[in-house]
N, C-alpha and C. Protein backbone atom coordinates (compact mmCIF):
# COMPACT_ATOMS: atom_id res chain seq x y z
N MET A 1 -13.71 -15.32 11.32
CA MET A 1 -14.32 -13.92 11.51
C MET A 1 -14.43 -13.54 12.72
N LYS A 2 -15.75 -14.37 13.38
CA LYS A 2 -16.11 -13.76 14.19
C LYS A 2 -15.34 -13.72 15.65
N PHE A 3 -13.94 -14.67 15.70
CA PHE A 3 -13.15 -14.24 16.36
C PHE A 3 -12.06 -13.02 16.26
N ARG A 4 -12.14 -12.42 15.45
CA ARG A 4 -11.41 -11.49 14.87
C ARG A 4 -12.17 -9.94 15.67
N HIS A 5 -13.55 -10.47 15.24
CA HIS A 5 -14.13 -9.31 15.85
C HIS A 5 -14.21 -8.81 17.07
N LEU A 6 -14.71 -10.13 17.86
CA LEU A 6 -14.56 -9.80 19.36
C LEU A 6 -12.96 -9.91 19.80
N ALA A 7 -11.84 -10.33 19.18
CA ALA A 7 -10.53 -9.77 19.53
C ALA A 7 -10.73 -8.04 19.63
N GLY A 8 -10.84 -7.71 18.43
CA GLY A 8 -11.12 -6.43 18.06
C GLY A 8 -11.72 -5.43 19.41
N ILE A 9 -12.99 -5.90 19.38
CA ILE A 9 -13.80 -5.45 20.77
C ILE A 9 -12.65 -5.50 22.02
N ALA A 10 -12.28 -6.49 22.21
CA ALA A 10 -11.72 -6.41 23.70
C ALA A 10 -10.73 -5.62 23.62
N ALA A 11 -9.44 -5.53 22.50
CA ALA A 11 -8.67 -4.65 22.41
C ALA A 11 -9.43 -3.40 22.89
N VAL A 12 -10.15 -2.72 21.97
CA VAL A 12 -11.23 -1.16 22.10
C VAL A 12 -10.94 -1.06 23.49
N SER A 13 -11.90 -2.17 24.37
CA SER A 13 -12.24 -1.91 25.53
C SER A 13 -11.09 -1.67 26.50
N ALA A 14 -9.86 -2.73 26.56
CA ALA A 14 -9.17 -2.67 27.36
C ALA A 14 -8.65 -1.30 26.96
N ALA A 15 -8.66 -0.41 26.27
CA ALA A 15 -8.09 0.63 25.47
C ALA A 15 -8.62 2.14 26.27
N LEU A 16 -10.23 1.87 26.27
CA LEU A 16 -11.26 2.91 26.85
C LEU A 16 -10.73 2.58 28.44
N LEU A 17 -10.81 1.39 28.73
CA LEU A 17 -10.06 1.20 30.32
C LEU A 17 -9.20 1.76 30.80
N LEU A 18 -8.16 1.81 29.92
CA LEU A 18 -6.84 2.68 30.35
C LEU A 18 -7.05 3.84 30.44
N THR A 19 -7.83 4.69 29.27
CA THR A 19 -7.96 6.03 29.16
C THR A 19 -8.77 6.30 30.05
N GLN A 20 -9.67 5.79 30.82
CA GLN A 20 -10.22 5.99 32.29
C GLN A 20 -9.49 5.74 33.38
N VAL A 21 -8.85 4.76 33.47
CA VAL A 21 -7.86 4.78 34.70
C VAL A 21 -6.87 5.94 34.87
N ALA A 22 -6.16 5.92 34.06
CA ALA A 22 -4.80 6.45 34.05
C ALA A 22 -4.94 8.05 33.83
N PRO A 23 -4.47 9.08 34.16
CA PRO A 23 -4.15 10.46 34.18
C PRO A 23 -3.68 10.84 32.74
N ALA A 24 -4.05 11.67 32.20
CA ALA A 24 -3.96 11.94 31.07
C ALA A 24 -2.96 12.52 30.81
N SER A 25 -2.29 13.38 31.71
CA SER A 25 -0.83 13.99 31.64
C SER A 25 0.02 13.29 32.30
N ALA A 26 -0.03 11.30 32.58
CA ALA A 26 0.76 11.31 33.56
C ALA A 26 2.52 11.54 32.65
N GLY A 27 3.42 12.00 33.54
CA GLY A 27 5.07 11.99 32.67
C GLY A 27 5.50 10.47 33.41
N THR A 28 5.21 10.08 34.32
CA THR A 28 5.79 8.79 34.28
C THR A 28 4.80 7.70 34.52
N ILE A 29 5.39 6.80 34.48
CA ILE A 29 4.23 5.24 35.05
C ILE A 29 5.32 4.55 35.87
N SER A 30 4.16 3.94 36.90
CA SER A 30 4.49 3.15 38.23
C SER A 30 5.35 1.66 37.54
N SER A 31 6.20 0.96 38.07
CA SER A 31 6.32 0.08 37.58
C SER A 31 5.60 -0.85 37.40
N HIS A 32 4.42 -1.01 38.48
CA HIS A 32 3.25 -2.15 37.92
C HIS A 32 2.68 -1.64 36.77
N SER A 33 2.25 0.05 36.58
CA SER A 33 1.22 -0.17 35.13
C SER A 33 2.13 -0.06 34.08
N ALA A 34 3.08 -0.12 34.25
CA ALA A 34 4.31 -0.15 32.88
C ALA A 34 4.32 -1.25 32.10
N ALA A 35 3.62 -2.65 33.14
CA ALA A 35 3.33 -3.70 32.14
C ALA A 35 2.36 -3.35 31.45
N SER A 36 1.28 -2.83 31.60
CA SER A 36 0.18 -2.27 30.91
C SER A 36 0.07 -1.32 29.98
N ALA A 37 0.79 -0.29 30.10
CA ALA A 37 0.60 0.53 29.45
C ALA A 37 2.36 1.70 29.22
N ARG A 38 1.97 2.56 28.47
CA ARG A 38 3.22 3.11 28.34
C ARG A 38 2.75 4.83 27.88
N THR A 39 3.70 5.57 28.05
CA THR A 39 2.99 6.99 27.27
C THR A 39 4.56 7.53 26.36
N VAL A 40 4.28 8.12 25.54
CA VAL A 40 5.02 8.41 24.43
C VAL A 40 5.52 10.05 24.91
N SER A 41 5.23 10.90 25.63
CA SER A 41 5.40 12.25 26.06
C SER A 41 4.66 12.70 27.59
N SER A 42 5.09 13.46 28.04
CA SER A 42 4.41 13.64 29.10
C SER A 42 3.23 14.65 28.73
N HIS A 43 2.65 14.74 27.54
CA HIS A 43 1.66 15.64 27.17
C HIS A 43 0.69 14.54 26.16
N SER A 44 0.95 13.42 26.14
CA SER A 44 0.08 11.88 25.60
C SER A 44 -0.61 11.51 26.60
N ARG A 45 -1.82 11.06 26.03
CA ARG A 45 -2.66 9.77 26.98
C ARG A 45 -1.73 8.81 27.02
N VAL A 46 -2.41 7.81 27.95
CA VAL A 46 -1.51 6.74 28.17
C VAL A 46 -2.47 5.56 27.17
N THR A 47 -1.34 4.75 26.38
CA THR A 47 -2.16 3.83 25.28
C THR A 47 -1.68 2.28 26.15
N PRO A 48 -2.35 1.49 25.87
CA PRO A 48 -1.91 0.31 25.85
C PRO A 48 -0.74 -0.40 25.04
N LEU A 49 0.00 -1.32 25.54
CA LEU A 49 1.19 -1.81 25.11
C LEU A 49 0.19 -2.91 24.07
N SER A 50 1.39 -3.55 23.08
CA SER A 50 0.83 -4.42 22.06
C SER A 50 0.09 -5.67 22.75
N THR A 51 -0.90 -5.66 22.26
CA THR A 51 -1.24 -7.19 22.58
C THR A 51 -0.94 -8.85 22.67
N CYS A 52 0.58 -8.51 21.37
CA CYS A 52 1.36 -9.57 21.62
C CYS A 52 2.58 -9.04 21.42
N TYR A 53 3.70 -10.12 20.94
CA TYR A 53 5.09 -9.58 21.09
C TYR A 53 5.77 -10.41 20.63
N GLY A 54 6.68 -10.62 19.09
CA GLY A 54 7.30 -11.64 18.45
C GLY A 54 6.79 -13.05 18.48
N SER A 55 7.30 -14.16 19.17
CA SER A 55 6.69 -15.51 18.82
C SER A 55 5.16 -15.57 19.34
N SER A 56 4.78 -14.87 20.25
CA SER A 56 3.15 -14.69 20.98
C SER A 56 2.52 -14.46 19.76
N CYS A 57 2.98 -13.69 18.91
CA CYS A 57 1.89 -12.69 17.28
C CYS A 57 1.67 -14.17 16.55
N THR A 58 2.64 -14.88 16.65
CA THR A 58 2.77 -15.77 15.57
C THR A 58 1.64 -16.56 15.08
N GLY A 59 0.69 -16.79 14.44
CA GLY A 59 -0.74 -17.17 14.05
C GLY A 59 -1.75 -16.62 14.50
N LEU A 60 -1.61 -15.43 14.88
CA LEU A 60 -2.69 -13.86 15.17
C LEU A 60 -2.84 -13.39 13.81
N TRP A 61 -4.28 -13.35 13.86
CA TRP A 61 -4.58 -11.92 12.87
C TRP A 61 -4.26 -10.43 13.26
N PRO A 62 -3.25 -9.92 11.87
CA PRO A 62 -2.80 -8.60 12.80
C PRO A 62 -4.04 -7.69 12.98
N ASP A 63 -5.15 -7.65 12.51
CA ASP A 63 -5.93 -6.75 12.39
C ASP A 63 -7.19 -7.27 13.61
N GLY A 64 -6.80 -8.23 14.37
CA GLY A 64 -7.38 -8.80 15.81
C GLY A 64 -6.29 -8.02 16.72
N THR A 65 -5.47 -7.44 16.39
CA THR A 65 -4.47 -7.22 17.58
C THR A 65 -3.95 -5.69 17.24
N THR A 66 -3.29 -5.21 18.18
CA THR A 66 -2.92 -3.43 17.95
C THR A 66 -1.51 -3.40 17.10
N CYS A 67 -1.19 -4.86 16.36
CA CYS A 67 -0.37 -4.97 15.27
C CYS A 67 -0.58 -3.78 14.39
N ALA A 68 -1.77 -3.96 13.80
CA ALA A 68 -1.88 -3.37 12.46
C ALA A 68 -1.71 -1.73 12.59
N ASN A 69 -2.20 -1.31 13.68
CA ASN A 69 -1.96 0.22 14.33
C ASN A 69 -0.93 1.00 13.45
N ASP A 70 0.34 0.05 13.90
CA ASP A 70 1.76 1.12 13.30
C ASP A 70 2.73 0.22 12.67
N ALA A 71 1.71 -0.58 11.69
CA ALA A 71 2.20 -1.20 10.44
C ALA A 71 3.02 -0.67 9.45
N GLU A 72 3.95 -1.05 8.93
CA GLU A 72 4.46 -0.20 7.76
C GLU A 72 5.07 -1.59 6.98
N THR A 73 5.06 -1.24 5.63
CA THR A 73 5.41 -1.65 4.27
C THR A 73 7.01 -1.88 4.22
N VAL A 74 7.94 -3.13 4.74
CA VAL A 74 9.08 -2.96 4.92
C VAL A 74 9.80 -3.17 3.48
N ARG A 75 9.37 -4.35 2.92
CA ARG A 75 9.63 -5.08 1.25
C ARG A 75 8.03 -5.27 0.81
N SER A 76 8.67 -4.84 -0.75
CA SER A 76 7.24 -4.96 -1.54
C SER A 76 7.60 -5.15 -3.03
N THR A 77 6.73 -5.67 -3.64
CA THR A 77 7.53 -6.31 -5.36
C THR A 77 5.94 -6.18 -5.89
N THR A 78 5.98 -6.37 -7.21
CA THR A 78 4.79 -6.56 -8.34
C THR A 78 4.91 -7.72 -8.98
N LEU A 79 4.16 -8.19 -9.18
CA LEU A 79 3.53 -9.63 -10.15
C LEU A 79 2.33 -9.24 -10.65
N SER A 80 2.42 -9.56 -11.86
CA SER A 80 0.90 -9.16 -12.63
C SER A 80 0.17 -8.46 -12.56
N GLY A 81 0.99 -7.09 -11.97
CA GLY A 81 -0.01 -5.85 -11.71
C GLY A 81 -0.85 -5.85 -9.94
N ARG A 82 -0.38 -6.87 -9.47
CA ARG A 82 -0.61 -6.96 -8.01
C ARG A 82 0.55 -6.55 -6.94
N LEU A 83 0.13 -6.07 -5.81
CA LEU A 83 1.41 -5.26 -5.08
C LEU A 83 1.63 -6.45 -3.93
N ILE A 84 2.30 -7.13 -3.99
CA ILE A 84 2.90 -8.01 -2.61
C ILE A 84 3.78 -7.52 -1.59
N GLU A 85 3.21 -6.73 -0.55
CA GLU A 85 3.93 -6.44 0.53
C GLU A 85 4.38 -7.21 1.86
N LEU A 86 5.33 -7.11 2.30
CA LEU A 86 5.64 -7.93 3.64
C LEU A 86 5.36 -6.36 4.55
N ARG A 87 4.86 -6.76 5.46
CA ARG A 87 4.14 -5.44 6.58
C ARG A 87 4.69 -5.80 7.79
N TYR A 88 5.27 -4.82 8.34
CA TYR A 88 5.79 -5.18 9.82
C TYR A 88 5.43 -4.42 11.26
N SER A 89 5.59 -4.81 12.21
CA SER A 89 4.75 -4.06 13.26
C SER A 89 6.14 -3.66 14.21
N PRO A 90 6.47 -2.50 14.45
CA PRO A 90 7.34 -2.00 15.46
C PRO A 90 7.16 -2.78 16.65
N SER A 91 6.04 -2.42 17.16
CA SER A 91 5.91 -2.60 18.27
C SER A 91 5.61 -3.83 18.44
N CYS A 92 5.14 -4.93 17.98
CA CYS A 92 4.86 -6.30 18.01
C CYS A 92 5.92 -6.89 17.66
N ARG A 93 7.28 -6.54 17.01
CA ARG A 93 8.21 -7.37 16.13
C ARG A 93 7.41 -8.67 15.55
N ALA A 94 6.65 -8.24 14.45
CA ALA A 94 5.91 -9.40 13.74
C ALA A 94 5.67 -8.88 12.40
N ALA A 95 5.85 -9.79 11.84
CA ALA A 95 5.43 -9.58 10.38
C ALA A 95 4.56 -10.39 9.82
N TRP A 96 3.79 -9.81 7.89
CA TRP A 96 3.06 -10.84 7.56
C TRP A 96 2.92 -10.06 6.09
N GLY A 97 2.32 -11.17 5.18
CA GLY A 97 2.21 -10.62 3.98
C GLY A 97 1.20 -10.13 3.57
N ARG A 98 0.79 -9.20 2.69
CA ARG A 98 -0.36 -8.68 2.15
C ARG A 98 -0.68 -9.00 0.37
N ILE A 99 -1.30 -8.92 0.18
CA ILE A 99 -1.46 -8.76 -2.00
C ILE A 99 -2.71 -7.76 -1.64
N SER A 100 -2.82 -6.72 -3.10
CA SER A 100 -3.30 -6.14 -2.96
C SER A 100 -3.97 -5.77 -4.87
N SER A 101 -4.89 -5.32 -5.05
CA SER A 101 -5.41 -5.68 -6.52
C SER A 101 -5.11 -6.69 -7.05
N GLY A 102 -5.61 -7.58 -6.84
CA GLY A 102 -5.56 -9.14 -7.13
C GLY A 102 -6.83 -9.61 -7.41
N ARG A 103 -7.19 -10.72 -7.53
CA ARG A 103 -8.54 -11.38 -7.99
C ARG A 103 -8.34 -12.70 -7.20
N VAL A 104 -9.50 -12.92 -6.62
CA VAL A 104 -9.71 -13.91 -6.39
C VAL A 104 -9.43 -15.46 -6.93
N GLY A 105 -8.26 -16.23 -5.94
CA GLY A 105 -7.62 -16.96 -6.23
C GLY A 105 -6.03 -16.28 -6.31
N ASP A 106 -6.08 -15.65 -6.66
CA ASP A 106 -4.19 -14.98 -6.15
C ASP A 106 -3.95 -15.25 -4.69
N ALA A 107 -3.06 -15.17 -4.15
CA ALA A 107 -2.75 -15.76 -2.93
C ALA A 107 -1.45 -14.88 -2.64
N VAL A 108 -0.93 -15.18 -1.11
CA VAL A 108 0.14 -14.53 -0.49
C VAL A 108 0.41 -15.25 0.68
N ASP A 109 1.75 -15.21 0.73
CA ASP A 109 2.27 -15.84 2.46
C ASP A 109 3.78 -15.50 3.10
N VAL A 110 3.78 -15.91 4.11
CA VAL A 110 4.64 -15.07 4.80
C VAL A 110 5.71 -16.43 5.52
N LEU A 111 7.03 -16.36 5.77
CA LEU A 111 7.75 -17.27 6.35
C LEU A 111 8.74 -17.01 6.69
N ASN A 112 9.27 -16.73 8.13
CA ASN A 112 10.40 -16.43 9.10
C ASN A 112 11.37 -17.34 8.99
N THR A 113 12.47 -17.43 9.22
CA THR A 113 13.67 -17.70 9.28
C THR A 113 13.85 -18.96 10.32
N ASN A 114 12.50 -19.17 11.00
CA ASN A 114 12.56 -19.85 12.16
C ASN A 114 11.39 -21.25 11.46
N GLY A 115 11.07 -20.89 10.40
CA GLY A 115 9.82 -22.05 9.81
C GLY A 115 8.31 -21.56 9.72
N ALA A 116 8.08 -20.47 10.57
CA ALA A 116 6.98 -20.10 11.07
C ALA A 116 6.42 -19.85 9.73
N TYR A 117 5.37 -20.16 8.67
CA TYR A 117 4.52 -19.99 7.60
C TYR A 117 3.10 -20.28 7.59
N TYR A 118 2.54 -19.02 6.78
CA TYR A 118 1.00 -18.96 6.56
C TYR A 118 0.98 -18.65 5.08
N TYR A 119 -0.15 -19.23 4.65
CA TYR A 119 -0.85 -19.20 3.06
C TYR A 119 -2.39 -18.27 3.18
N GLN A 120 -2.43 -17.38 2.00
CA GLN A 120 -4.06 -16.80 2.55
C GLN A 120 -4.25 -16.55 0.74
N ALA A 121 -5.12 -17.47 0.36
CA ALA A 121 -5.67 -16.71 -1.02
C ALA A 121 -6.85 -15.56 -0.77
N ILE A 122 -7.12 -15.23 -1.46
CA ILE A 122 -8.26 -13.66 -2.10
C ILE A 122 -9.52 -14.72 -2.13
N GLN A 123 -10.54 -14.77 -1.10
CA GLN A 123 -11.48 -15.23 -1.44
C GLN A 123 -12.80 -14.65 -1.96
N SER A 124 -12.66 -13.30 -1.68
CA SER A 124 -13.42 -12.54 -2.23
C SER A 124 -12.89 -11.00 -2.45
N GLY A 125 -13.32 -10.00 -3.03
CA GLY A 125 -12.48 -8.77 -3.05
C GLY A 125 -11.41 -8.65 -3.94
N SER A 126 -10.50 -7.80 -3.78
CA SER A 126 -9.03 -7.77 -4.48
C SER A 126 -7.73 -7.71 -3.65
N ASP A 127 -8.20 -8.15 -2.11
CA ASP A 127 -6.49 -7.98 -1.40
C ASP A 127 -6.88 -9.02 -0.42
N THR A 128 -5.80 -9.29 0.04
CA THR A 128 -6.03 -10.11 1.43
C THR A 128 -4.44 -9.76 2.55
N HIS A 129 -4.99 -10.36 3.81
CA HIS A 129 -3.68 -11.06 4.34
C HIS A 129 -3.15 -12.15 5.08
N THR A 130 -2.02 -12.13 5.06
CA THR A 130 -1.94 -13.60 6.41
C THR A 130 -2.10 -13.30 7.75
N LYS A 131 -1.77 -14.52 8.34
CA LYS A 131 -1.72 -14.34 9.65
C LYS A 131 0.08 -14.10 9.97
N MET A 132 -0.17 -13.37 11.08
CA MET A 132 1.49 -12.99 11.16
C MET A 132 2.32 -14.20 12.01
N VAL A 133 3.92 -13.59 11.67
CA VAL A 133 4.89 -14.23 12.22
C VAL A 133 5.69 -13.83 12.91
N ASN A 134 6.46 -14.49 13.98
CA ASN A 134 7.19 -13.93 14.49
C ASN A 134 8.51 -13.06 13.68
N ASP A 135 8.53 -11.79 14.41
CA ASP A 135 9.95 -11.09 13.15
C ASP A 135 11.01 -10.47 14.59
N ALA A 136 11.22 -10.97 15.58
CA ALA A 136 12.02 -10.25 16.92
C ALA A 136 13.47 -10.93 16.57
N GLY A 137 14.35 -10.42 16.26
CA GLY A 137 15.51 -11.25 15.80
C GLY A 137 16.14 -12.38 15.19
N ILE A 138 14.97 -12.65 13.56
CA ILE A 138 14.73 -13.30 12.87
C ILE A 138 14.41 -12.67 11.67
N THR A 139 14.37 -12.97 10.25
CA THR A 139 13.88 -12.37 9.10
C THR A 139 12.86 -12.99 8.59
N SER A 140 12.32 -12.38 7.84
CA SER A 140 10.86 -12.88 7.44
C SER A 140 10.69 -12.14 5.74
N ASN A 141 10.09 -12.65 5.06
CA ASN A 141 9.81 -12.24 3.35
C ASN A 141 8.32 -12.92 3.26
N SER A 142 8.06 -12.26 2.17
CA SER A 142 6.59 -12.59 1.57
C SER A 142 6.51 -12.98 0.43
N CYS A 143 5.64 -13.84 -0.24
CA CYS A 143 5.45 -13.66 -1.88
C CYS A 143 4.06 -14.01 -2.32
N GLY A 144 4.28 -13.56 -3.16
CA GLY A 144 2.75 -13.64 -4.01
C GLY A 144 2.59 -14.53 -5.00
N TYR A 145 1.52 -15.06 -5.27
CA TYR A 145 1.45 -16.24 -6.53
C TYR A 145 -0.25 -15.63 -7.42
N VAL A 146 0.24 -15.50 -8.73
CA VAL A 146 -0.99 -15.39 -9.20
C VAL A 146 -0.83 -16.49 -10.98
N GLY A 147 -1.64 -17.31 -10.53
CA GLY A 147 -1.86 -18.71 -11.64
C GLY A 147 -0.59 -19.00 -11.28
N SER A 148 0.51 -19.88 -12.08
CA SER A 148 1.43 -20.29 -12.40
C SER A 148 3.05 -19.62 -11.65
N SER A 149 2.51 -18.22 -11.47
CA SER A 149 3.84 -17.04 -11.38
C SER A 149 3.81 -16.78 -9.90
N ALA A 150 5.07 -16.93 -9.26
CA ALA A 150 5.57 -16.46 -8.00
C ALA A 150 6.54 -15.44 -7.94
N LYS A 151 6.52 -14.75 -7.38
CA LYS A 151 7.23 -13.56 -6.61
C LYS A 151 7.73 -13.07 -5.13
N CYS A 152 8.78 -13.13 -4.67
CA CYS A 152 8.82 -12.97 -3.41
C CYS A 152 9.44 -11.54 -3.39
N THR A 153 9.01 -10.84 -1.77
CA THR A 153 9.91 -9.81 -1.33
C THR A 153 11.32 -9.82 -1.22
N GLY A 154 11.77 -9.21 -0.49
CA GLY A 154 13.25 -9.48 -0.02
C GLY A 154 13.00 -9.71 1.12
N SER A 155 13.92 -9.95 1.77
CA SER A 155 13.98 -10.43 3.52
C SER A 155 14.14 -9.22 4.45
N PHE A 156 13.19 -9.15 5.46
CA PHE A 156 13.55 -7.88 6.54
C PHE A 156 13.51 -8.58 8.05
């Protein structure tokens, strides 16, 4: 938990530094700054690139990176009233599993076709998520576990 908090502080600090250094109305970026920033349009602020990409995201917590910022649910299912989701970040090309409306002991996993696998049980509260797996050029899916029952999302 302490690591995730420190990683979040580092990401915010980097974003603040970039917004102080880069001009707010930059329409283009030099090849040197393109490695650390991108612009969406000529009227947007420069924002930092993903903190990881593809295989470099494997094993990281999404909320300790910029990957959670553009995450979307790409596949989902329900199991005994719990929502099981496969979450995906287009900027990071990484996926993770999430379970919501659960109870302590319910769990979720994520698996990609390269065999990267993470499992996470709810320790307190009613939801949790796994660490991320690479989803660049391969597919992933997520499964939820409630008691002796299991149900998986489709692959993405």
